[in-house]
C-alpha atoms as a PDB file:
ATOM      1  CA  MET A   1     -68.559 -86.343  51.282  1.00  0.00           C
ATOM      2  CA  SER A   2     -68.431 -90.334  52.109  1.00  0.00           C
ATOM      3  CA  GLY A   3     -70.413 -91.369  55.338  1.00  0.00           C
ATOM      4  CA  ALA A   4     -72.647 -88.015  55.469  1.00  0.00           C
ATOM      5  CA  PRO A   5     -76.409 -87.992  55.215  1.00  0.00           C
ATOM      6  CA  SER A   6     -78.066 -86.943  52.414  1.00  0.00           C
ATOM      7  CA  PHE A   7     -81.293 -85.127  51.578  1.00  0.00           C
ATOM      8  CA  SER A   8     -83.342 -84.181  48.784  1.00  0.00           C
ATOM      9  CA  LEU A   9     -85.127 -81.022  48.243  1.00  0.00           C
ATOM     10  CA  GLY A  10     -87.904 -80.567  50.509  1.00  0.00           C
ATOM     11  CA  THR A  11     -87.286 -83.878  52.987  1.00  0.00           C
ATOM     12  CA  THR A  12     -87.565 -83.241  56.703  1.00  0.00           C
ATOM     13  CA  SER A  13     -84.980 -83.293  58.491  1.00  0.00           C
ATOM     14  CA  LEU A  14     -84.280 -84.206  62.335  1.00  0.00           C
ATOM     15  CA  GLN A  15     -81.120 -83.881  64.323  1.00  0.00           C
ATOM     16  CA  THR A  16     -80.199 -84.505  67.841  1.00  0.00           C
ATOM     17  CA  ASP A  17     -76.931 -83.401  69.031  1.00  0.00           C
ATOM     18  CA  VAL A  18     -75.491 -84.259  72.701  1.00  0.00           C
ATOM     19  CA  ALA A  19     -73.006 -82.965  74.415  1.00  0.00           C
ATOM     20  CA  VAL A  20     -71.336 -83.472  77.960  1.00  0.00           C
ATOM     21  CA  TYR A  21     -69.623 -81.464  79.469  1.00  0.00           C
ATOM     22  CA  LEU A  22     -67.349 -81.387  82.934  1.00  0.00           C
ATOM     23  CA  GLY A  23     -68.490 -79.782  86.250  1.00  0.00           C
ATOM     24  CA  ASP A  24     -72.017 -77.937  86.741  1.00  0.00           C
ATOM     25  CA  CYS A  25     -71.914 -75.289  83.352  1.00  0.00           C
ATOM     26  CA  SER A  26     -71.103 -72.405  86.566  1.00  0.00           C
ATOM     27  CA  ALA A  27     -67.822 -71.568  85.615  1.00  0.00           C
ATOM     28  CA  ASP A  28     -66.413 -68.852  83.009  1.00  0.00           C
ATOM     29  CA  THR A  29     -64.807 -71.701  81.298  1.00  0.00           C
ATOM     30  CA  LEU A  30     -66.481 -75.505  79.891  1.00  0.00           C
ATOM     31  CA  PHE A  31     -64.788 -78.251  79.045  1.00  0.00           C
ATOM     32  CA  VAL A  32     -66.310 -80.318  76.510  1.00  0.00           C
ATOM     33  CA  VAL A  33     -66.021 -84.189  76.644  1.00  0.00           C
ATOM     34  CA  CYS A  34     -67.486 -85.201  74.048  1.00  0.00           C
ATOM     35  CA  ASP A  35     -70.053 -84.674  71.690  1.00  0.00           C
ATOM     36  CA  GLY A  36     -72.815 -86.860  69.294  1.00  0.00           C
ATOM     37  CA  ILE A  37     -75.205 -86.577  66.489  1.00  0.00           C
ATOM     38  CA  SER A  38     -77.896 -88.754  65.364  1.00  0.00           C
ATOM     39  CA  SER A  39     -79.861 -88.324  62.617  1.00  0.00           C
ATOM     40  CA  GLU A  40     -82.562 -90.893  63.557  1.00  0.00           C
ATOM     41  CA  SER A  41     -85.915 -89.432  63.401  1.00  0.00           C
ATOM     42  CA  ARG A  42     -88.085 -92.511  64.780  1.00  0.00           C
ATOM     43  CA  GLY A  43     -88.276 -93.009  68.716  1.00  0.00           C
ATOM     44  CA  SER A  44     -87.933 -90.544  71.544  1.00  0.00           C
ATOM     45  CA  THR A  45     -85.977 -87.669  72.681  1.00  0.00           C
ATOM     46  CA  TRP A  46     -84.243 -89.826  74.689  1.00  0.00           C
ATOM     47  CA  GLU A  47     -83.451 -92.764  72.471  1.00  0.00           C
ATOM     48  CA  ARG A  48     -82.514 -90.357  69.981  1.00  0.00           C
ATOM     49  CA  ALA A  49     -79.569 -88.870  72.918  1.00  0.00           C
ATOM     50  CA  LEU A  50     -78.744 -92.483  73.099  1.00  0.00           C
ATOM     51  CA  LEU A  51     -77.973 -92.704  69.848  1.00  0.00           C
ATOM     52  CA  ALA A  52     -76.279 -89.310  69.742  1.00  0.00           C
ATOM     53  CA  LEU A  53     -73.975 -91.001  72.284  1.00  0.00           C
ATOM     54  CA  ALA A  54     -73.595 -94.242  70.748  1.00  0.00           C
ATOM     55  CA  HIS A  55     -70.484 -93.262  69.163  1.00  0.00           C
ATOM     56  CA  PRO A  56     -69.115 -89.435  70.069  1.00  0.00           C
ATOM     57  CA  THR A  57     -66.369 -87.752  68.967  1.00  0.00           C
ATOM     58  CA  PRO A  58     -63.667 -87.396  70.026  1.00  0.00           C
ATOM     59  CA  PRO A  59     -63.429 -91.633  70.482  1.00  0.00           C
ATOM     60  CA  GLY A  60     -62.570 -91.749  74.420  1.00  0.00           C
ATOM     61  CA  PRO A  61     -60.960 -92.431  76.753  1.00  0.00           C
ATOM     62  CA  TYR A  62     -63.123 -89.721  78.719  1.00  0.00           C
ATOM     63  CA  PRO A  63     -62.735 -88.731  82.187  1.00  0.00           C
ATOM     64  CA  VAL A  64     -63.818 -89.757  85.933  1.00  0.00           C
ATOM     65  CA  ALA A  65     -66.479 -87.043  87.234  1.00  0.00           C
ATOM     66  CA  ALA A  66     -68.523 -86.615  90.244  1.00  0.00           C
ATOM     67  CA  GLN A  67     -70.398 -83.406  88.560  1.00  0.00           C
ATOM     68  CA  PHE A  68     -71.400 -83.158  85.032  1.00  0.00           C
ATOM     69  CA  THR A  69     -73.735 -81.470  82.249  1.00  0.00           C
ATOM     70  CA  ILE A  70     -75.370 -83.158  79.420  1.00  0.00           C
ATOM     71  CA  PHE A  71     -77.070 -80.523  76.569  1.00  0.00           C
ATOM     72  CA  VAL A  72     -79.547 -82.203  74.463  1.00  0.00           C
ATOM     73  CA  HIS A  73     -80.293 -80.127  71.162  1.00  0.00           C
ATOM     74  CA  GLU A  74     -82.899 -81.322  68.385  1.00  0.00           C
ATOM     75  CA  THR A  75     -83.269 -79.223  65.373  1.00  0.00           C
ATOM     76  CA  SER A  76     -86.033 -80.083  62.709  1.00  0.00           C
ATOM     77  CA  GLY A  77     -86.399 -78.516  59.488  1.00  0.00           C
ATOM     78  CA  TYR A  78     -86.183 -78.802  55.833  1.00  0.00           C
ATOM     79  CA  ALA A  79     -82.679 -79.666  54.124  1.00  0.00           C
ATOM     80  CA  THR A  80     -83.036 -76.507  51.949  1.00  0.00           C
ATOM     81  CA  THR A  81     -83.523 -74.619  54.851  1.00  0.00           C
ATOM     82  CA  ASP A  82     -82.254 -72.874  58.603  1.00  0.00           C
ATOM     83  CA  PRO A  83     -83.784 -75.778  61.373  1.00  0.00           C
ATOM     84  CA  HIS A  84     -85.422 -74.752  64.250  1.00  0.00           C
ATOM     85  CA  ALA A  85     -85.214 -76.063  67.420  1.00  0.00           C
ATOM     86  CA  VAL A  86     -87.574 -78.505  68.584  1.00  0.00           C
ATOM     87  CA  VAL A  87     -86.108 -79.548  72.218  1.00  0.00           C
ATOM     88  CA  THR A  88     -83.921 -78.013  74.251  1.00  0.00           C
ATOM     89  CA  PHE A  89     -82.757 -79.310  77.898  1.00  0.00           C
ATOM     90  CA  ARG A  90     -79.997 -79.417  80.460  1.00  0.00           C
ATOM     91  CA  ILE A  91     -78.877 -82.388  82.549  1.00  0.00           C
ATOM     92  CA  ASP A  92     -76.931 -81.878  85.756  1.00  0.00           C
ATOM     93  CA  VAL A  93     -75.606 -84.719  86.819  1.00  0.00           C
ATOM     94  CA  ARG A  94     -74.071 -85.821  90.389  1.00  0.00           C
ATOM     95  CA  CYS A  95     -72.692 -89.269  91.183  1.00  0.00           C
ATOM     96  CA  GLU A  96     -72.827 -90.025  94.493  1.00  0.00           C
ATOM     97  CA  GLY A  97     -71.913 -93.304  95.657  1.00  0.00           C
ATOM     98  CA  LYS A  98     -73.818 -95.560  93.688  1.00  0.00           C
ATOM     99  CA  PHE A  99     -76.368 -93.428  91.835  1.00  0.00           C
ATOM    100  CA  ALA A 100     -76.053 -90.986  89.367  1.00  0.00           C
ATOM    101  CA  VAL A 101     -78.683 -88.059  90.655  1.00  0.00           C
ATOM    102  CA  ALA A 102     -79.856 -85.975  87.549  1.00  0.00           C
ATOM    103  CA  THR A 103     -82.031 -83.054  87.447  1.00  0.00           C
ATOM    104  CA  VAL A 104     -83.479 -82.206  83.619  1.00  0.00           C
ATOM    105  CA  LYS A 105     -83.804 -78.322  82.796  1.00  0.00           C
ATOM    106  CA  THR A 106     -85.679 -77.136  80.220  1.00  0.00           C
ATOM    107  CA  GLY A 107     -87.155 -73.317  79.173  1.00  0.00           C
ATOM    108  CA  GLN A 108     -90.736 -74.309  80.954  1.00  0.00           C
ATOM    109  CA  SER A 109     -89.510 -76.589  83.690  1.00  0.00           C
ATOM    110  CA  VAL A 110     -87.167 -78.448  86.405  1.00  0.00           C
ATOM    111  CA  GLU A 111     -87.727 -82.362  86.754  1.00  0.00           C
ATOM    112  CA  GLN A 112     -85.674 -85.156  88.576  1.00  0.00           C
ATOM    113  CA  LEU A 113     -84.679 -88.107  86.880  1.00  0.00           C
ATOM    114  CA  PRO A 114     -84.729 -91.661  88.626  1.00  0.00           C
ATOM    115  CA  PRO A 115     -81.513 -92.773  90.117  1.00  0.00           C
ATOM    116  CA  SER A 116     -79.108 -94.196  87.672  1.00  0.00           C
ATOM    117  CA  PRO A 117     -76.620 -97.391  88.293  1.00  0.00           C
ATOM    118  CA  TYR A 118     -73.149 -95.629  88.727  1.00  0.00           C
ATOM    119  CA  VAL A 119     -69.941 -97.393  89.697  1.00  0.00           C
ATOM    120  CA  ILE A 120     -67.042 -95.464  91.027  1.00  0.00           C
ATOM    121  CA  GLY A 121     -64.061 -95.469  88.606  1.00  0.00           C
ATOM    122  CA  ASP A 122     -67.152 -94.954  85.847  1.00  0.00           C
ATOM    123  CA  ASP A 123     -66.571 -92.388  83.294  1.00  0.00           C
ATOM    124  CA  VAL A 124     -68.468 -89.370  82.289  1.00  0.00           C
ATOM    125  CA  VAL A 125     -69.846 -90.629  79.052  1.00  0.00           C
ATOM    126  CA  THR A 126     -70.805 -94.557  80.614  1.00  0.00           C
ATOM    127  CA  ALA A 127     -72.667 -92.494  83.533  1.00  0.00           C
ATOM    128  CA  SER A 128     -74.237 -90.052  80.479  1.00  0.00           C
ATOM    129  CA  ARG A 129     -75.555 -93.355  78.781  1.00  0.00           C
ATOM    130  CA  ARG A 130     -77.001 -94.807  82.425  1.00  0.00           C
ATOM    131  CA  VAL A 131     -78.789 -91.407  83.020  1.00  0.00           C
ATOM    132  CA  LEU A 132     -80.300 -91.676  79.387  1.00  0.00           C
ATOM    133  CA  GLU A 133     -81.459 -94.961  80.139  1.00  0.00           C
ATOM    134  CA  ALA A 134     -83.061 -94.241  83.033  1.00  0.00           C
ATOM    135  CA  ALA A 135     -85.154 -90.797  81.607  1.00  0.00           C
ATOM    136  CA  LEU A 136     -86.288 -93.296  78.831  1.00  0.00           C
ATOM    137  CA  ALA A 137     -87.588 -95.936  81.541  1.00  0.00           C
ATOM    138  CA  ARG A 138     -89.075 -93.248  83.114  1.00  0.00           C
ATOM    139  CA  PRO A 139     -92.866 -92.194  81.843  1.00  0.00           C
ATOM    140  CA  GLY A 140     -94.123 -89.213  81.204  1.00  0.00           C
ATOM    141  CA  LEU A 141     -90.617 -87.365  80.239  1.00  0.00           C
END
């Protein structure tokens, strides 16, 4: 298949999957806005997540919402074996006034991200990218 990543036998791969959902994921039904994938292995998880959202599917337009959730899941492994999870986290986002306030939840911790700029009318993908950029700018995450 043209454009599909190719791996040689024994090649270690790292894949970052990002999905954006409307709401806070407390409902029985979740509405997936978009998802993206990056197979880049360099940089931080935040950088790879931004790359995954550079060209999400579907291409848009995207809804505007005051509350949404971003899931980031990374897997690593050999191309010829089953991959294993490296990192998984959930980012709950609330847009309040001029800022998007986000909380990152992993299996071990809960951390508040620095507020990111939000303009009323920004769609959830634009706001998601700004949240990930704020996370990238915070040392130690």
